[in-house]
Amino acid sequence: MQAIKRILVVIDPTLDNQLALKRARLIAGVIEAELHLLVCEDRQDHLPTLQKMVSELQAEGLTASCSQSWHKNLTDTIVMAAQSEG
């Protein structure tokens, strides 16, 4: 069985409560995986918000990174991010 080293977390910038991030944070803490936060949008720059989230995760001792991108649709964007992030 292959160990999980990285977790891709899709962030919805319109929500205050990021349930997927909360769950990924718990899982990453237990299995010592890295988190990569992704916003799938090209209309507005959400990098400052993402960087703040990453800083908070790093303050908790987790390894985290972030990006924002958009390809044709949500599914393509997630697949492309998963492939590029490994």
PDB file of N, CA and C in Angstrom:
ATOM      1  N   MET A   1       0.835  -1.190   0.000  1.00  0.00           N
ATOM      2  CA  MET A   1       0.000   0.000   0.000  1.00  0.00           C
ATOM      3  C   MET A   1       0.878   1.251   0.000  1.00  0.00           C
ATOM      4  N   GLN A   2       0.525   2.204  -0.802  1.00  0.00           N
ATOM      5  CA  GLN A   2       1.303   3.419  -0.937  1.00  0.00           C
ATOM      6  C   GLN A   2       0.893   4.433   0.131  1.00  0.00           C
ATOM      7  N   ALA A   3       1.871   5.040   0.778  1.00  0.00           N
ATOM      8  CA  ALA A   3       1.590   6.031   1.819  1.00  0.00           C
ATOM      9  C   ALA A   3       1.152   7.351   1.188  1.00  0.00           C
ATOM     10  N   ILE A   4       0.214   8.010   1.829  1.00  0.00           N
ATOM     11  CA  ILE A   4      -0.250   9.313   1.356  1.00  0.00           C
ATOM     12  C   ILE A   4       0.732  10.364   1.844  1.00  0.00           C
ATOM     13  N   LYS A   5       1.298  11.118   0.904  1.00  0.00           N
ATOM     14  CA  LYS A   5       2.288  12.127   1.246  1.00  0.00           C
ATOM     15  C   LYS A   5       1.743  13.545   1.118  1.00  0.00           C
ATOM     16  N   ARG A   6       0.776  13.724   0.230  1.00  0.00           N
ATOM     17  CA  ARG A   6       0.214  15.059  -0.006  1.00  0.00           C
ATOM     18  C   ARG A   6      -1.294  14.957  -0.137  1.00  0.00           C
ATOM     19  N   ILE A   7      -1.968  15.980   0.376  1.00  0.00           N
ATOM     20  CA  ILE A   7      -3.426  16.043   0.299  1.00  0.00           C
ATOM     21  C   ILE A   7      -3.803  17.332  -0.418  1.00  0.00           C
ATOM     22  N   LEU A   8      -4.579  17.203  -1.492  1.00  0.00           N
ATOM     23  CA  LEU A   8      -5.071  18.359  -2.234  1.00  0.00           C
ATOM     24  C   LEU A   8      -6.410  18.775  -1.628  1.00  0.00           C
ATOM     25  N   VAL A   9      -6.500  20.021  -1.196  1.00  0.00           N
ATOM     26  CA  VAL A   9      -7.715  20.537  -0.569  1.00  0.00           C
ATOM     27  C   VAL A   9      -8.273  21.645  -1.449  1.00  0.00           C
ATOM     28  N   VAL A  10      -9.474  21.436  -1.976  1.00  0.00           N
ATOM     29  CA  VAL A  10     -10.119  22.452  -2.809  1.00  0.00           C
ATOM     30  C   VAL A  10     -10.850  23.420  -1.877  1.00  0.00           C
ATOM     31  N   ILE A  11     -10.477  24.679  -1.971  1.00  0.00           N
ATOM     32  CA  ILE A  11     -11.026  25.733  -1.121  1.00  0.00           C
ATOM     33  C   ILE A  11     -12.092  26.501  -1.896  1.00  0.00           C
ATOM     34  N   ASP A  12     -13.243  26.685  -1.265  1.00  0.00           N
ATOM     35  CA  ASP A  12     -14.300  27.518  -1.840  1.00  0.00           C
ATOM     36  C   ASP A  12     -14.192  28.889  -1.188  1.00  0.00           C
ATOM     37  N   PRO A  13     -13.704  29.891  -1.919  1.00  0.00           N
ATOM     38  CA  PRO A  13     -13.465  31.207  -1.309  1.00  0.00           C
ATOM     39  C   PRO A  13     -14.739  31.942  -0.893  1.00  0.00           C
ATOM     40  N   THR A  14     -15.896  31.432  -1.291  1.00  0.00           N
ATOM     41  CA  THR A  14     -17.149  32.091  -0.917  1.00  0.00           C
ATOM     42  C   THR A  14     -17.647  31.648   0.459  1.00  0.00           C
ATOM     43  N   LEU A  15     -17.018  30.633   1.025  1.00  0.00           N
ATOM     44  CA  LEU A  15     -17.450  30.115   2.322  1.00  0.00           C
ATOM     45  C   LEU A  15     -16.512  30.551   3.440  1.00  0.00           C
ATOM     46  N   ASP A  16     -17.086  30.850   4.597  1.00  0.00           N
ATOM     47  CA  ASP A  16     -16.272  31.168   5.769  1.00  0.00           C
ATOM     48  C   ASP A  16     -15.784  29.896   6.449  1.00  0.00           C
ATOM     49  N   ASN A  17     -16.626  28.869   6.453  1.00  0.00           N
ATOM     50  CA  ASN A  17     -16.309  27.617   7.120  1.00  0.00           C
ATOM     51  C   ASN A  17     -15.783  26.618   6.083  1.00  0.00           C
ATOM     52  N   GLN A  18     -14.502  26.316   6.125  1.00  0.00           N
ATOM     53  CA  GLN A  18     -13.873  25.406   5.170  1.00  0.00           C
ATOM     54  C   GLN A  18     -13.802  24.003   5.773  1.00  0.00           C
ATOM     55  N   LEU A  19     -14.878  23.246   5.654  1.00  0.00           N
ATOM     56  CA  LEU A  19     -14.965  21.922   6.253  1.00  0.00           C
ATOM     57  C   LEU A  19     -13.902  20.973   5.694  1.00  0.00           C
ATOM     58  N   ALA A  20     -13.663  21.024   4.384  1.00  0.00           N
ATOM     59  CA  ALA A  20     -12.660  20.149   3.776  1.00  0.00           C
ATOM     60  C   ALA A  20     -11.276  20.430   4.362  1.00  0.00           C
ATOM     61  N   LEU A  21     -10.974  21.700   4.608  1.00  0.00           N
ATOM     62  CA  LEU A  21      -9.684  22.060   5.192  1.00  0.00           C
ATOM     63  C   LEU A  21      -9.574  21.557   6.626  1.00  0.00           C
ATOM     64  N   LYS A  22     -10.643  21.655   7.391  1.00  0.00           N
ATOM     65  CA  LYS A  22     -10.628  21.156   8.772  1.00  0.00           C
ATOM     66  C   LYS A  22     -10.341  19.662   8.801  1.00  0.00           C
ATOM     67  N   ARG A  23     -11.007  18.925   7.934  1.00  0.00           N
ATOM     68  CA  ARG A  23     -10.800  17.476   7.888  1.00  0.00           C
ATOM     69  C   ARG A  23      -9.411  17.124   7.384  1.00  0.00           C
ATOM     70  N   ALA A  24      -8.959  17.819   6.355  1.00  0.00           N
ATOM     71  CA  ALA A  24      -7.623  17.554   5.815  1.00  0.00           C
ATOM     72  C   ALA A  24      -6.555  17.875   6.848  1.00  0.00           C
ATOM     73  N   ARG A  25      -6.746  18.924   7.627  1.00  0.00           N
ATOM     74  CA  ARG A  25      -5.808  19.301   8.681  1.00  0.00           C
ATOM     75  C   ARG A  25      -5.679  18.160   9.698  1.00  0.00           C
ATOM     76  N   LEU A  26      -6.800  17.590  10.100  1.00  0.00           N
ATOM     77  CA  LEU A  26      -6.780  16.481  11.061  1.00  0.00           C
ATOM     78  C   LEU A  26      -6.060  15.258  10.480  1.00  0.00           C
ATOM     79  N   ILE A  27      -6.386  14.917   9.243  1.00  0.00           N
ATOM     80  CA  ILE A  27      -5.758  13.756   8.603  1.00  0.00           C
ATOM     81  C   ILE A  27      -4.262  13.979   8.439  1.00  0.00           C
ATOM     82  N   ALA A  28      -3.883  15.163   7.948  1.00  0.00           N
ATOM     83  CA  ALA A  28      -2.466  15.467   7.727  1.00  0.00           C
ATOM     84  C   ALA A  28      -1.681  15.419   9.034  1.00  0.00           C
ATOM     85  N   GLY A  29      -2.299  15.852  10.114  1.00  0.00           N
ATOM     86  CA  GLY A  29      -1.624  15.813  11.408  1.00  0.00           C
ATOM     87  C   GLY A  29      -1.336  14.402  11.870  1.00  0.00           C
ATOM     88  N   VAL A  30      -2.227  13.488  11.561  1.00  0.00           N
ATOM     89  CA  VAL A  30      -2.061  12.094  11.989  1.00  0.00           C
ATOM     90  C   VAL A  30      -1.071  11.345  11.099  1.00  0.00           C
ATOM     91  N   ILE A  31      -1.194  11.509   9.784  1.00  0.00           N
ATOM     92  CA  ILE A  31      -0.348  10.736   8.865  1.00  0.00           C
ATOM     93  C   ILE A  31       0.885  11.510   8.393  1.00  0.00           C
ATOM     94  N   GLU A  32       1.059  12.721   8.901  1.00  0.00           N
ATOM     95  CA  GLU A  32       2.212  13.574   8.564  1.00  0.00           C
ATOM     96  C   GLU A  32       2.320  13.836   7.063  1.00  0.00           C
ATOM     97  N   ALA A  33       1.198  14.204   6.461  1.00  0.00           N
ATOM     98  CA  ALA A  33       1.158  14.524   5.039  1.00  0.00           C
ATOM     99  C   ALA A  33       1.210  16.042   4.851  1.00  0.00           C
ATOM    100  N   GLU A  34       1.619  16.461   3.666  1.00  0.00           N
ATOM    101  CA  GLU A  34       1.611  17.876   3.302  1.00  0.00           C
ATOM    102  C   GLU A  34       0.228  18.240   2.764  1.00  0.00           C
ATOM    103  N   LEU A  35      -0.142  19.493   2.928  1.00  0.00           N
ATOM    104  CA  LEU A  35      -1.412  19.984   2.386  1.00  0.00           C
ATOM    105  C   LEU A  35      -1.133  20.953   1.245  1.00  0.00           C
ATOM    106  N   HIS A  36      -1.930  20.863   0.198  1.00  0.00           N
ATOM    107  CA  HIS A  36      -1.873  21.857  -0.883  1.00  0.00           C
ATOM    108  C   HIS A  36      -3.275  22.408  -1.059  1.00  0.00           C
ATOM    109  N   LEU A  37      -3.430  23.699  -0.831  1.00  0.00           N
ATOM    110  CA  LEU A  37      -4.726  24.362  -0.940  1.00  0.00           C
ATOM    111  C   LEU A  37      -4.898  24.911  -2.350  1.00  0.00           C
ATOM    112  N   LEU A  38      -6.057  24.682  -2.930  1.00  0.00           N
ATOM    113  CA  LEU A  38      -6.328  25.092  -4.308  1.00  0.00           C
ATOM    114  C   LEU A  38      -7.653  25.831  -4.394  1.00  0.00           C
ATOM    115  N   VAL A  39      -7.624  27.015  -5.013  1.00  0.00           N
ATOM    116  CA  VAL A  39      -8.846  27.725  -5.363  1.00  0.00           C
ATOM    117  C   VAL A  39      -8.994  27.611  -6.873  1.00  0.00           C
ATOM    118  N   CYS A  40     -10.145  27.131  -7.305  1.00  0.00           N
ATOM    119  CA  CYS A  40     -10.422  26.931  -8.729  1.00  0.00           C
ATOM    120  C   CYS A  40     -11.232  28.116  -9.245  1.00  0.00           C
ATOM    121  N   GLU A  41     -10.531  29.176  -9.593  1.00  0.00           N
ATOM    122  CA  GLU A  41     -11.203  30.376 -10.096  1.00  0.00           C
ATOM    123  C   GLU A  41     -10.182  31.264 -10.788  1.00  0.00           C
ATOM    124  N   ASP A  42     -10.637  32.001 -11.793  1.00  0.00           N
ATOM    125  CA  ASP A  42      -9.743  32.930 -12.478  1.00  0.00           C
ATOM    126  C   ASP A  42     -10.271  34.360 -12.494  1.00  0.00           C
ATOM    127  N   ARG A  43     -11.419  34.587 -11.887  1.00  0.00           N
ATOM    128  CA  ARG A  43     -12.022  35.912 -11.930  1.00  0.00           C
ATOM    129  C   ARG A  43     -11.469  36.861 -10.880  1.00  0.00           C
ATOM    130  N   GLN A  44     -11.065  36.337  -9.749  1.00  0.00           N
ATOM    131  CA  GLN A  44     -10.621  37.177  -8.647  1.00  0.00           C
ATOM    132  C   GLN A  44      -9.390  36.547  -8.008  1.00  0.00           C
ATOM    133  N   ASP A  45      -8.459  37.369  -7.542  1.00  0.00           N
ATOM    134  CA  ASP A  45      -7.238  36.874  -6.929  1.00  0.00           C
ATOM    135  C   ASP A  45      -7.494  36.517  -5.463  1.00  0.00           C
ATOM    136  N   HIS A  46      -7.336  35.248  -5.132  1.00  0.00           N
ATOM    137  CA  HIS A  46      -7.538  34.777  -3.765  1.00  0.00           C
ATOM    138  C   HIS A  46      -6.230  34.373  -3.098  1.00  0.00           C
ATOM    139  N   LEU A  47      -5.097  34.665  -3.730  1.00  0.00           N
ATOM    140  CA  LEU A  47      -3.816  34.256  -3.169  1.00  0.00           C
ATOM    141  C   LEU A  47      -3.536  34.835  -1.781  1.00  0.00           C
ATOM    142  N   PRO A  48      -3.885  36.088  -1.494  1.00  0.00           N
ATOM    143  CA  PRO A  48      -3.650  36.580  -0.131  1.00  0.00           C
ATOM    144  C   PRO A  48      -4.403  35.758   0.933  1.00  0.00           C
ATOM    145  N   THR A  49      -5.621  35.375   0.638  1.00  0.00           N
ATOM    146  CA  THR A  49      -6.398  34.547   1.569  1.00  0.00           C
ATOM    147  C   THR A  49      -5.762  33.174   1.707  1.00  0.00           C
ATOM    148  N   LEU A  50      -5.353  32.597   0.594  1.00  0.00           N
ATOM    149  CA  LEU A  50      -4.704  31.289   0.627  1.00  0.00           C
ATOM    150  C   LEU A  50      -3.404  31.334   1.418  1.00  0.00           C
ATOM    151  N   GLN A  51      -2.619  32.381   1.206  1.00  0.00           N
ATOM    152  CA  GLN A  51      -1.348  32.506   1.917  1.00  0.00           C
ATOM    153  C   GLN A  51      -1.562  32.663   3.422  1.00  0.00           C
ATOM    154  N   LYS A  52      -2.631  33.331   3.807  1.00  0.00           N
ATOM    155  CA  LYS A  52      -2.961  33.448   5.225  1.00  0.00           C
ATOM    156  C   LYS A  52      -3.304  32.075   5.802  1.00  0.00           C
ATOM    157  N   MET A  53      -4.090  31.296   5.069  1.00  0.00           N
ATOM    158  CA  MET A  53      -4.432  29.942   5.507  1.00  0.00           C
ATOM    159  C   MET A  53      -3.178  29.081   5.648  1.00  0.00           C
ATOM    160  N   VAL A  54      -2.279  29.190   4.677  1.00  0.00           N
ATOM    161  CA  VAL A  54      -1.030  28.429   4.710  1.00  0.00           C
ATOM    162  C   VAL A  54      -0.201  28.832   5.930  1.00  0.00           C
ATOM    163  N   SER A  55      -0.121  30.110   6.207  1.00  0.00           N
ATOM    164  CA  SER A  55       0.631  30.585   7.378  1.00  0.00           C
ATOM    165  C   SER A  55       0.061  30.012   8.673  1.00  0.00           C
ATOM    166  N   GLU A  56      -1.260  29.974   8.770  1.00  0.00           N
ATOM    167  CA  GLU A  56      -1.903  29.419   9.962  1.00  0.00           C
ATOM    168  C   GLU A  56      -1.602  27.927  10.104  1.00  0.00           C
ATOM    169  N   LEU A  57      -1.619  27.206   8.981  1.00  0.00           N
ATOM    170  CA  LEU A  57      -1.307  25.782   9.014  1.00  0.00           C
ATOM    171  C   LEU A  57       0.146  25.548   9.420  1.00  0.00           C
ATOM    172  N   GLN A  58       1.032  26.372   8.878  1.00  0.00           N
ATOM    173  CA  GLN A  58       2.449  26.242   9.216  1.00  0.00           C
ATOM    174  C   GLN A  58       2.702  26.566  10.687  1.00  0.00           C
ATOM    175  N   ALA A  59       1.944  27.505  11.230  1.00  0.00           N
ATOM    176  CA  ALA A  59       2.063  27.839  12.649  1.00  0.00           C
ATOM    177  C   ALA A  59       1.645  26.653  13.526  1.00  0.00           C
ATOM    178  N   GLU A  60       0.777  25.801  12.994  1.00  0.00           N
ATOM    179  CA  GLU A  60       0.346  24.596  13.710  1.00  0.00           C
ATOM    180  C   GLU A  60       1.335  23.450  13.537  1.00  0.00           C
ATOM    181  N   GLY A  61       2.382  23.680  12.733  1.00  0.00           N
ATOM    182  CA  GLY A  61       3.387  22.650  12.516  1.00  0.00           C
ATOM    183  C   GLY A  61       3.162  21.788  11.293  1.00  0.00           C
ATOM    184  N   LEU A  62       2.199  22.148  10.455  1.00  0.00           N
ATOM    185  CA  LEU A  62       1.929  21.395   9.237  1.00  0.00           C
ATOM    186  C   LEU A  62       2.693  21.997   8.061  1.00  0.00           C
ATOM    187  N   THR A  63       2.966  21.180   7.076  1.00  0.00           N
ATOM    188  CA  THR A  63       3.582  21.648   5.841  1.00  0.00           C
ATOM    189  C   THR A  63       2.466  21.925   4.850  1.00  0.00           C
ATOM    190  N   ALA A  64       2.443  23.132   4.297  1.00  0.00           N
ATOM    191  CA  ALA A  64       1.347  23.514   3.401  1.00  0.00           C
ATOM    192  C   ALA A  64       1.844  24.436   2.291  1.00  0.00           C
ATOM    193  N   SER A  65       1.136  24.374   1.162  1.00  0.00           N
ATOM    194  CA  SER A  65       1.388  25.271   0.038  1.00  0.00           C
ATOM    195  C   SER A  65       0.031  25.602  -0.574  1.00  0.00           C
ATOM    196  N   CYS A  66       0.024  26.511  -1.553  1.00  0.00           N
ATOM    197  CA  CYS A  66      -1.253  26.911  -2.143  1.00  0.00           C
ATOM    198  C   CYS A  66      -1.085  27.349  -3.585  1.00  0.00           C
ATOM    199  N   SER A  67      -2.196  27.362  -4.303  1.00  0.00           N
ATOM    200  CA  SER A  67      -2.223  27.880  -5.670  1.00  0.00           C
ATOM    201  C   SER A  67      -3.664  28.206  -6.051  1.00  0.00           C
ATOM    202  N   GLN A  68      -3.765  28.978  -7.101  1.00  0.00           N
ATOM    203  CA  GLN A  68      -5.059  29.317  -7.674  1.00  0.00           C
ATOM    204  C   GLN A  68      -4.938  29.146  -9.177  1.00  0.00           C
ATOM    205  N   SER A  69      -5.876  28.422  -9.766  1.00  0.00           N
ATOM    206  CA  SER A  69      -5.829  28.229 -11.216  1.00  0.00           C
ATOM    207  C   SER A  69      -7.218  27.919 -11.755  1.00  0.00           C
ATOM    208  N   TRP A  70      -7.319  27.931 -13.071  1.00  0.00           N
ATOM    209  CA  TRP A  70      -8.572  27.591 -13.735  1.00  0.00           C
ATOM    210  C   TRP A  70      -8.266  27.029 -15.114  1.00  0.00           C
ATOM    211  N   HIS A  71      -8.881  25.897 -15.418  1.00  0.00           N
ATOM    212  CA  HIS A  71      -8.843  25.280 -16.736  1.00  0.00           C
ATOM    213  C   HIS A  71     -10.288  24.955 -17.080  1.00  0.00           C
ATOM    214  N   LYS A  72     -10.664  24.974 -18.266  1.00  0.00           N
ATOM    215  CA  LYS A  72     -12.011  24.766 -18.800  1.00  0.00           C
ATOM    216  C   LYS A  72     -13.155  24.625 -17.789  1.00  0.00           C
ATOM    217  N   ASN A  73     -12.983  23.761 -16.776  1.00  0.00           N
ATOM    218  CA  ASN A  73     -14.036  23.548 -15.787  1.00  0.00           C
ATOM    219  C   ASN A  73     -13.411  23.097 -14.461  1.00  0.00           C
ATOM    220  N   LEU A  74     -14.244  22.921 -13.452  1.00  0.00           N
ATOM    221  CA  LEU A  74     -13.759  22.565 -12.119  1.00  0.00           C
ATOM    222  C   LEU A  74     -13.016  21.234 -12.122  1.00  0.00           C
ATOM    223  N   THR A  75     -13.573  20.246 -12.784  1.00  0.00           N
ATOM    224  CA  THR A  75     -12.947  18.924 -12.821  1.00  0.00           C
ATOM    225  C   THR A  75     -11.571  18.970 -13.466  1.00  0.00           C
ATOM    226  N   ASP A  76     -11.463  19.622 -14.616  1.00  0.00           N
ATOM    227  CA  ASP A  76     -10.170  19.739 -15.296  1.00  0.00           C
ATOM    228  C   ASP A  76      -9.159  20.474 -14.427  1.00  0.00           C
ATOM    229  N   THR A  77      -9.611  21.491 -13.728  1.00  0.00           N
ATOM    230  CA  THR A  77      -8.712  22.262 -12.868  1.00  0.00           C
ATOM    231  C   THR A  77      -8.159  21.392 -11.751  1.00  0.00           C
ATOM    232  N   ILE A  78      -9.011  20.607 -11.117  1.00  0.00           N
ATOM    233  CA  ILE A  78      -8.569  19.730 -10.025  1.00  0.00           C
ATOM    234  C   ILE A  78      -7.626  18.647 -10.544  1.00  0.00           C
ATOM    235  N   VAL A  79      -7.958  18.053 -11.681  1.00  0.00           N
ATOM    236  CA  VAL A  79      -7.102  17.016 -12.257  1.00  0.00           C
ATOM    237  C   VAL A  79      -5.742  17.585 -12.612  1.00  0.00           C
ATOM    238  N   MET A  80      -5.707  18.740 -13.244  1.00  0.00           N
ATOM    239  CA  MET A  80      -4.436  19.376 -13.613  1.00  0.00           C
ATOM    240  C   MET A  80      -3.601  19.691 -12.368  1.00  0.00           C
ATOM    241  N   ALA A  81      -4.240  20.185 -11.331  1.00  0.00           N
ATOM    242  CA  ALA A  81      -3.518  20.500 -10.085  1.00  0.00           C
ATOM    243  C   ALA A  81      -2.973  19.231  -9.448  1.00  0.00           C
ATOM    244  N   ALA A  82      -3.772  18.183  -9.435  1.00  0.00           N
ATOM    245  CA  ALA A  82      -3.318  16.914  -8.847  1.00  0.00           C
ATOM    246  C   ALA A  82      -2.118  16.365  -9.620  1.00  0.00           C
ATOM    247  N   GLN A  83      -2.148  16.464 -10.924  1.00  0.00           N
ATOM    248  CA  GLN A  83      -1.038  15.979 -11.730  1.00  0.00           C
ATOM    249  C   GLN A  83       0.211  16.830 -11.518  1.00  0.00           C
ATOM    250  N   SER A  84       0.053  18.140 -11.470  1.00  0.00           N
ATOM    251  CA  SER A  84       1.227  19.000 -11.315  1.00  0.00           C
ATOM    252  C   SER A  84       1.814  18.957  -9.904  1.00  0.00           C
ATOM    253  N   GLU A  85       0.978  18.692  -8.911  1.00  0.00           N
ATOM    254  CA  GLU A  85       1.451  18.647  -7.521  1.00  0.00           C
ATOM    255  C   GLU A  85       1.911  17.256  -7.109  1.00  0.00           C
ATOM    256  N   GLY A  86       1.626  16.278  -7.933  1.00  0.00           N
ATOM    257  CA  GLY A  86       2.046  14.903  -7.614  1.00  0.00           C
ATOM    258  C   GLY A  86       1.204  14.297  -6.531  1.00  0.00           C
TER     259      GLY A  86
END
